[in-house]
Protein backbone atom coordinates (compact mmCIF):
# COMPACT_ATOMS: atom_id res chain seq x y z
CA MET A 1 -4.50 -53.66 -18.47
CA LYS A 2 -1.52 -51.18 -17.37
CA LYS A 3 -3.05 -48.45 -19.81
CA PHE A 4 -6.31 -48.87 -17.89
CA VAL A 5 -4.80 -48.55 -14.74
CA PHE A 6 -2.85 -45.68 -15.37
CA CYS A 7 -6.08 -43.50 -17.10
CA LEU A 8 -7.98 -44.79 -13.67
CA PHE A 9 -5.05 -43.45 -11.63
CA ILE A 10 -4.94 -39.92 -13.48
CA LEU A 11 -8.79 -39.92 -13.35
CA LEU A 12 -8.75 -40.47 -9.63
CA TYR A 13 -6.06 -37.82 -8.59
CA PHE A 14 -7.82 -35.28 -11.15
CA MET A 15 -10.90 -35.83 -8.90
CA SER A 16 -9.32 -35.82 -5.52
CA SER A 17 -7.68 -32.15 -6.70
CA VAL A 18 -11.41 -30.90 -7.63
CA ARG A 19 -12.63 -31.97 -4.45
CA VAL A 20 -10.04 -30.38 -2.47
CA TYR A 21 -10.58 -27.24 -4.65
CA ALA A 22 -14.19 -27.11 -4.02
CA ASP A 23 -13.74 -27.73 0.05
CA THR A 24 -11.45 -24.84 0.56
CA ASP A 25 -13.02 -22.63 -2.28
CA TYR A 26 -9.38 -21.37 -3.04
CA PRO A 27 -9.23 -20.15 -6.20
CA TYR A 28 -7.23 -21.81 -8.87
CA ILE A 29 -5.47 -19.32 -10.89
CA SER A 30 -2.61 -19.07 -13.81
CA THR A 31 -0.43 -16.56 -12.72
CA LYS A 32 3.09 -17.59 -11.47
CA ALA A 33 2.91 -15.63 -8.55
CA ALA A 34 0.02 -13.41 -6.96
CA ILE A 35 -1.06 -11.64 -3.61
CA VAL A 36 -4.08 -10.08 -2.11
CA MET A 37 -3.23 -7.68 0.73
CA ASP A 38 -5.34 -5.56 2.99
CA GLN A 39 -4.75 -2.08 2.36
CA GLU A 40 -5.34 -1.00 5.55
CA THR A 41 -3.98 -3.27 7.79
CA GLY A 42 -1.62 -5.19 5.43
CA ARG A 43 -2.74 -8.16 6.27
CA VAL A 44 -2.04 -10.99 3.35
CA LEU A 45 -5.42 -12.88 2.27
CA TYR A 46 -4.30 -14.73 -0.37
CA GLY A 47 -0.77 -15.89 -1.62
CA LYS A 48 0.87 -17.72 -4.53
CA ASN A 49 4.56 -18.08 -4.61
CA SER A 50 4.29 -14.41 -3.25
CA HIS A 51 8.06 -14.19 -2.06
CA GLU A 52 9.65 -15.35 -5.54
CA LYS A 53 11.75 -12.63 -7.13
CA LEU A 54 9.96 -12.27 -10.54
CA PRO A 55 10.54 -9.48 -13.15
CA MET A 56 7.90 -6.70 -13.04
CA ALA A 57 7.46 -4.81 -16.15
CA SER A 58 5.82 -1.46 -16.19
CA THR A 59 4.38 -2.41 -12.62
CA THR A 60 7.74 -0.70 -11.98
CA LYS A 61 6.16 2.85 -12.58
CA ILE A 62 4.09 2.53 -9.42
CA MET A 63 7.33 3.22 -7.63
CA THR A 64 8.26 6.01 -10.00
CA LEU A 65 4.87 7.86 -9.30
CA LEU A 66 5.48 7.25 -5.44
CA ILE A 67 8.95 8.74 -5.90
CA ALA A 68 7.67 11.88 -8.38
CA LEU A 69 4.98 12.49 -5.59
CA GLU A 70 7.22 12.68 -2.76
CA LYS A 71 10.11 14.57 -4.58
CA GLY A 72 8.79 16.46 -7.20
CA ASN A 73 6.29 19.39 -7.66
CA LEU A 74 3.31 18.97 -9.88
CA ASN A 75 3.57 22.06 -11.11
CA ASP A 76 7.20 22.05 -12.48
CA ILE A 77 7.71 22.05 -16.39
CA VAL A 78 9.94 19.54 -17.43
CA THR A 79 12.12 19.85 -20.58
CA VAL A 80 12.23 16.50 -22.72
CA SER A 81 15.63 15.31 -23.29
CA LYS A 82 16.52 13.52 -26.57
CA ARG A 83 17.17 10.12 -24.23
CA ALA A 84 13.61 10.42 -22.78
CA ALA A 85 12.07 11.20 -26.17
CA SER A 86 13.89 8.14 -27.80
CA VAL A 87 12.71 5.50 -25.14
CA GLY A 88 10.99 2.28 -27.23
CA GLY A 89 7.67 0.77 -26.12
CA SER A 90 4.59 2.44 -24.81
CA SER A 91 4.80 6.11 -25.26
CA ILE A 92 2.90 9.19 -24.87
CA TRP A 93 5.02 10.67 -27.88
CA LEU A 94 7.16 13.32 -26.31
CA PHE A 95 9.69 15.23 -28.71
CA PRO A 96 12.89 16.41 -27.81
CA GLY A 97 12.87 19.89 -26.13
CA GLU A 98 9.04 20.04 -25.55
CA LYS A 99 7.87 21.68 -22.25
CA ILE A 100 5.46 19.93 -20.39
CA ASP A 101 4.13 19.92 -16.89
CA MET A 102 4.66 17.20 -14.13
CA GLU A 103 1.19 16.65 -13.33
CA SER A 104 0.61 15.73 -16.87
CA LEU A 105 3.85 13.52 -17.10
CA LEU A 106 2.30 11.54 -14.14
CA TYR A 107 -0.80 10.69 -15.99
CA GLY A 108 0.89 9.79 -19.05
CA LEU A 109 3.14 7.55 -16.87
CA MET A 110 0.23 5.69 -15.37
CA LEU A 111 -2.80 5.72 -17.81
CA ASN A 112 -0.82 4.98 -21.22
CA SER A 113 2.40 3.81 -19.49
CA GLY A 114 4.70 5.93 -21.40
CA ASN A 115 8.21 4.60 -21.05
CA ASP A 116 9.27 8.30 -22.40
CA ALA A 117 7.00 9.75 -19.43
CA ALA A 118 9.12 7.74 -16.81
CA THR A 119 12.23 8.94 -18.07
CA ALA A 120 11.68 12.25 -18.71
CA ILE A 121 10.31 12.06 -14.65
CA ALA A 122 13.29 10.35 -13.67
CA GLU A 123 15.82 12.74 -14.89
CA HIS A 124 14.04 15.81 -13.87
CA ILE A 125 13.68 14.94 -10.46
CA GLY A 126 16.72 12.59 -9.86
CA GLY A 127 19.09 14.86 -12.44
CA SER A 128 19.88 11.66 -14.08
CA VAL A 129 17.85 8.30 -14.43
CA GLU A 130 20.66 6.45 -12.74
CA ASN A 131 20.25 9.00 -9.47
CA PHE A 132 16.52 8.24 -9.72
CA VAL A 133 16.80 4.70 -9.67
CA GLU A 134 18.91 4.91 -6.65
CA MET A 135 16.12 6.78 -4.83
CA MET A 136 13.90 4.15 -6.00
CA ASN A 137 15.58 1.46 -4.58
CA GLN A 138 16.08 3.60 -1.31
CA LYS A 139 12.46 3.84 -0.96
CA ALA A 140 11.98 0.30 -1.65
CA LYS A 141 14.19 -0.34 1.49
CA GLU A 142 12.26 2.25 3.64
CA ILE A 143 8.90 0.71 2.97
CA GLY A 144 10.32 -3.00 3.55
CA ALA A 145 10.27 -4.37 0.10
CA TYR A 146 13.48 -6.16 0.49
CA ASN A 147 13.53 -8.16 -2.42
CA THR A 148 12.88 -5.31 -5.08
CA HIS A 149 15.68 -4.01 -7.00
CA PHE A 150 15.09 -1.27 -9.77
CA VAL A 151 17.42 -0.42 -12.89
CA THR A 152 14.98 1.35 -14.84
CA PRO A 153 12.29 3.72 -13.94
CA SER A 154 10.19 2.36 -16.64
CA GLY A 155 10.38 -1.34 -16.57
CA LEU A 156 11.82 -1.87 -19.75
CA ASP A 157 13.91 -5.27 -19.30
CA ILE A 158 15.67 -5.95 -22.35
CA GLY A 159 19.14 -7.40 -21.91
CA ILE A 160 18.74 -6.73 -17.96
CA ASP A 161 18.82 -9.24 -15.33
CA ASP A 162 18.51 -7.59 -11.88
CA HIS A 163 15.26 -5.76 -12.28
CA TYR A 164 13.12 -7.67 -10.06
CA THR A 165 10.42 -8.01 -7.26
CA THR A 166 8.17 -9.97 -5.69
CA ALA A 167 4.19 -10.04 -5.48
CA TYR A 168 4.39 -9.03 -1.79
CA ASP A 169 6.95 -6.40 -2.16
CA LEU A 170 4.75 -4.85 -4.83
CA ALA A 171 1.60 -5.07 -2.68
CA LEU A 172 3.82 -3.42 0.09
CA ILE A 173 4.81 -0.37 -2.34
CA THR A 174 1.25 0.06 -3.47
CA ARG A 175 -0.13 0.11 -0.06
CA TYR A 176 2.15 2.76 1.15
CA ALA A 177 1.72 4.61 -1.92
CA PHE A 178 -2.04 4.93 -1.39
CA ARG A 179 -1.48 7.08 1.44
CA TYR A 180 -1.24 9.95 -1.00
CA PRO A 181 -4.66 11.00 -2.57
CA LYS A 182 -2.93 12.00 -5.36
CA PHE A 183 -1.86 8.30 -5.80
CA ALA A 184 -5.44 7.17 -5.72
CA GLU A 185 -6.63 9.89 -7.77
CA ILE A 186 -4.21 9.13 -10.65
CA VAL A 187 -4.45 5.30 -10.88
CA SER A 188 -8.35 5.39 -10.64
CA THR A 189 -8.60 7.86 -13.94
CA LYS A 190 -10.03 6.09 -16.70
CA GLU A 191 -9.58 8.75 -19.52
CA LYS A 192 -7.42 11.98 -19.31
CA THR A 193 -6.42 14.86 -21.97
CA ILE A 194 -3.03 16.44 -21.39
CA PRO A 195 -1.32 19.09 -23.24
CA TRP A 196 0.48 18.75 -26.53
CA GLU A 197 3.05 21.34 -27.45
CA GLY A 198 2.91 22.53 -30.88
CA LYS A 199 -0.26 20.69 -31.93
CA GLU A 200 -3.85 22.01 -31.96
CA TRP A 201 -5.07 19.12 -30.13
CA ASP A 202 -4.52 17.37 -26.59
CA ARG A 203 -3.01 13.88 -26.03
CA TYR A 204 -5.87 11.54 -25.56
CA LEU A 205 -4.84 9.23 -22.76
CA ARG A 206 -6.65 6.07 -21.75
CA ASN A 207 -6.20 3.83 -18.87
CA LYS A 208 -5.01 0.33 -19.88
CA ASN A 209 -6.23 -1.35 -16.55
CA LYS A 210 -9.48 -2.58 -18.00
CA LEU A 211 -10.54 -3.54 -14.29
CA LEU A 212 -11.76 0.05 -13.85
CA TRP A 213 -14.48 -0.64 -16.32
CA ILE A 214 -15.22 -4.32 -15.54
CA TYR A 215 -14.97 -4.95 -12.25
CA GLU A 216 -16.97 -3.61 -8.99
CA GLY A 217 -15.24 -1.14 -6.90
CA ALA A 218 -12.05 -1.17 -9.15
CA ASP A 219 -10.07 1.99 -8.20
CA GLY A 220 -6.32 1.05 -9.66
CA VAL A 221 -3.39 0.34 -10.36
CA LYS A 222 -1.06 -0.57 -13.00
CA THR A 223 -0.83 -3.02 -15.80
CA GLY A 224 2.66 -4.26 -17.23
CA PHE A 225 4.06 -6.44 -20.18
CA THR A 226 7.32 -7.38 -21.43
CA ASN A 227 8.57 -10.76 -23.23
CA LYS A 228 10.68 -11.70 -19.73
CA ALA A 229 8.07 -10.52 -17.33
CA GLY A 230 4.99 -11.68 -19.12
CA ARG A 231 1.57 -10.08 -18.17
CA CYS A 232 1.48 -8.50 -14.89
CA LEU A 233 -1.33 -6.49 -13.16
CA VAL A 234 -1.13 -4.77 -9.53
CA SER A 235 -4.98 -4.03 -9.30
CA SER A 236 -7.30 -2.38 -6.35
CA ALA A 237 -10.78 -2.56 -5.51
CA THR A 238 -12.89 -0.81 -2.61
CA ARG A 239 -16.22 -2.15 -1.36
CA GLU A 240 -17.90 -0.93 1.87
CA GLY A 241 -15.07 0.89 2.78
CA ARG A 242 -12.40 -1.69 2.29
CA ARG A 243 -10.03 -1.71 -0.15
CA PHE A 244 -7.78 -4.86 -1.48
CA ILE A 245 -4.69 -4.80 -3.37
CA ALA A 246 -4.17 -7.57 -5.54
CA VAL A 247 -0.92 -8.42 -7.63
CA VAL A 248 -0.39 -11.41 -10.40
CA LEU A 249 2.94 -11.67 -12.12
CA ASN A 250 3.58 -13.59 -15.19
CA SER A 251 0.03 -14.40 -15.57
CA PRO A 252 -1.55 -15.39 -18.64
CA SER A 253 -4.95 -14.37 -17.78
CA MET A 254 -4.21 -11.59 -15.67
CA TRP A 255 -7.61 -9.85 -15.76
CA GLU A 256 -9.46 -13.24 -14.77
CA ASP A 257 -6.87 -14.10 -11.99
CA SER A 258 -7.15 -10.57 -10.54
CA MET A 259 -10.78 -10.97 -10.29
CA LYS A 260 -10.65 -14.41 -8.91
CA ILE A 261 -8.42 -13.71 -6.28
CA LEU A 262 -10.25 -10.39 -5.30
CA ASP A 263 -13.63 -12.03 -5.42
CA TYR A 264 -11.78 -14.60 -3.03
CA ALA A 265 -11.02 -11.85 -0.73
CA PHE A 266 -14.09 -9.88 -0.67
CA SER A 267 -16.43 -12.95 -0.33
CA LYS A 268 -14.44 -14.83 2.34
CA TYR A 269 -13.09 -11.75 4.51
CA LYS A 270 -15.43 -9.48 6.24
CA PRO A 271 -14.67 -6.30 8.22
CA TYR A 272 -14.47 -6.53 12.08
CA LYS A 273 -14.40 -3.83 14.40
CA VAL A 274 -11.86 -4.00 17.03
CA LEU A 275 -11.21 -0.57 18.23
CA GLU A 276 -13.30 2.64 18.32
CA ARG A 277 -11.49 6.00 17.68
CA GLY A 278 -10.92 7.28 21.05
CA GLU A 279 -11.78 4.21 23.26
CA LEU A 280 -10.24 3.86 26.63
CA ILE A 281 -7.45 1.75 26.77
CA LYS A 282 -5.82 2.38 30.13
CA LYS A 283 -5.48 4.94 33.00
CA ILE A 284 -1.96 6.06 33.34
CA ARG A 285 -0.13 7.48 36.79
CA VAL A 286 1.64 10.43 35.86
CA GLU A 287 4.79 11.81 38.14
CA ASP A 288 5.51 15.24 38.55
CA GLY A 289 2.19 16.16 36.76
CA LYS A 290 -0.42 18.51 37.75
CA LYS A 291 -2.72 15.96 37.27
CA ALA A 292 -2.08 12.34 39.08
CA GLU A 293 -3.17 10.33 35.68
CA VAL A 294 -3.91 10.30 32.00
CA LEU A 295 -6.56 8.48 29.89
CA GLY A 296 -4.76 6.55 27.20
CA ILE A 297 -7.12 6.28 24.04
CA SER A 298 -7.06 4.65 20.77
CA GLU A 299 -5.82 6.96 17.98
CA LYS A 300 -7.90 5.55 15.47
CA GLU A 301 -10.87 3.00 14.67
CA CYS A 302 -9.47 -0.42 13.87
CA ILE A 303 -11.32 -2.60 11.61
CA ILE A 304 -9.47 -5.98 10.30
CA PRO A 305 -10.83 -8.06 7.71
CA VAL A 306 -11.51 -11.79 9.09
CA LEU A 307 -12.84 -15.23 8.25
CA GLU A 308 -15.95 -16.19 10.06
CA GLU A 309 -14.13 -18.59 11.99
CA GLU A 310 -11.52 -16.02 13.34
CA LYS A 311 -13.53 -13.66 15.24
CA GLU A 312 -13.19 -15.66 18.24
CA LYS A 313 -9.51 -15.88 17.98
CA VAL A 314 -9.41 -11.90 17.72
CA LYS A 315 -6.90 -10.33 20.67
CA LEU A 316 -5.34 -7.00 21.76
CA GLU A 317 -2.23 -7.07 23.40
CA ILE A 318 -1.68 -3.77 25.46
CA TYR A 319 1.86 -2.14 25.41
CA ILE A 320 1.54 0.92 27.64
CA PRO A 321 4.02 1.57 30.88
CA GLU A 322 2.53 1.99 34.21
CA ASN A 323 3.81 5.44 34.89
CA LEU A 324 4.62 8.52 32.77
CA LYS A 325 6.56 11.56 33.49
CA ALA A 326 5.10 15.19 32.78
CA PRO A 327 4.65 16.95 30.73
CA ILE A 328 2.53 15.12 28.20
CA GLU A 329 0.91 16.64 25.49
CA LYS A 330 -2.48 15.87 24.24
CA GLY A 331 -2.47 13.46 21.57
CA GLU A 332 1.14 12.42 22.00
CA LYS A 333 1.82 8.65 21.73
CA ILE A 334 2.30 6.73 24.87
CA GLY A 335 2.16 3.37 23.90
CA TYR A 336 0.34 0.87 21.52
CA ILE A 337 -1.98 -1.72 21.17
CA GLU A 338 -1.09 -4.78 19.06
CA VAL A 339 -3.86 -6.74 17.40
CA LYS A 340 -3.51 -10.29 16.72
CA ILE A 341 -5.30 -13.34 15.54
CA GLY A 342 -4.34 -16.35 17.58
CA GLU A 343 -0.52 -15.64 17.75
CA LYS A 344 -0.24 -14.17 14.43
CA LYS A 345 0.02 -10.38 14.49
CA ILE A 346 -2.27 -8.02 12.15
CA CYS A 347 -1.69 -4.65 12.97
CA ASP A 348 -0.58 -2.28 15.76
CA VAL A 349 -3.12 0.84 16.85
CA ASN A 350 -1.20 3.75 18.64
CA CYS A 351 -2.40 4.74 21.97
CA ILE A 352 -2.31 8.53 22.78
CA ALA A 353 -3.13 10.84 25.70
CA GLN A 354 -6.46 12.09 25.76
CA GLU A 355 -5.50 15.17 27.36
CA LYS A 356 -2.75 17.47 28.16
CA VAL A 357 -0.51 17.21 31.55
CA GLU A 358 1.62 19.86 32.70
CA LYS A 359 4.63 19.51 34.64
CA GLU A 360 4.47 20.56 38.49
CA ASP A 361 6.54 23.93 38.98
CA PHE A 362 7.09 26.13 41.87
CA GLY A 363 3.86 28.20 41.49
CA TYR A 364 1.84 25.18 41.47
CA ASN A 365 3.34 23.19 44.47
CA PHE A 366 3.10 26.76 46.35
CA GLN A 367 -0.67 26.77 45.85
CA LYS A 368 -0.89 23.28 46.77
CA ILE A 369 0.90 24.01 49.91
CA ILE A 370 -1.55 27.10 50.68
CA LYS A 371 -4.53 25.09 50.10
CA LYS A 372 -3.49 22.37 52.42
CA TRP A 373 -2.84 24.93 55.37
CA LEU A 374 -6.44 26.45 54.48
CA GLU A 375 -8.25 22.89 54.99
CA VAL A 376 -6.36 22.72 58.53
CA LEU A 377 -7.12 26.07 59.60
CA ILE A 378 -10.67 26.50 58.28
CA PRO A 379 -11.81 22.81 58.63
CA SER A 380 -15.22 22.10 56.39
């Protein structure tokens, strides 16, 4: 009887769990930590243990690429050191003394996940691997990835305990990196050939990110695996002009898990336009200017991803002063608009001056006085 009651309890528990899943339509995934983030606004659309610190394996190379794009030169010729050529794990088969251009190394870094390429890049840009890693950690802080710490530019973590990130931080870093068109170009490339010094043929690179072939709109980003980190994947997909970034860390089924959470985001969250580019926000009085007021307009179009039931909760909070002092340049930021759903902030949009307003000077004031005298002397 006890055995029967126990089995019944387990069955009821399982049925209730299934029912909750069906009602919420929230995807079940096997990964330890995950997130989906809207690339445009940074809004989090899905999360699971997204702030838990975990090893990240070769997804580290997203930051390596970012630093290389900001600090390096694509046309630089890099001389491969013995240290770089001897790094273990995945590689693009560099050899000591080989000379190769930086752009080719970046493709080798991201498509083949070359640990040797990561080290060669780090040494060339940072002067040493250690200096380059300091640059990586500094950049993480600038971006706001405060729960991230790098020890290597490759993600190899054998014997290392303090090389970690979170799903949230990794999405944040990737979102930032997408501001560079070259980043988007490299991470979306499926196949590439790069030079191979001393050989009669080129190196052939094939991107390890299978989603580029099998998932609609997939356009990045980076795979990763070590025994400590498990299977990791940062992926991105763009549909109808919206790019979502997904991260799974320590996922036994990283392809399936990534597609599930991206499907969830695309099916549930729809684009909602809240501001037009150039939309009038407010008229602001101008002190000491040749014009009495200036129009404050939206700097850009703002479209946010929302659930259907959230549309009525969208609101704008305007932070613009009542008065401004001349001079004011056309396009100058004069305030901002906070876009919120209920009390939750989604993003900010700058408010800019529609036109230039020059400061009053002696000549301008003299002309005003003359004009007033003329109006009195010669009434209309």
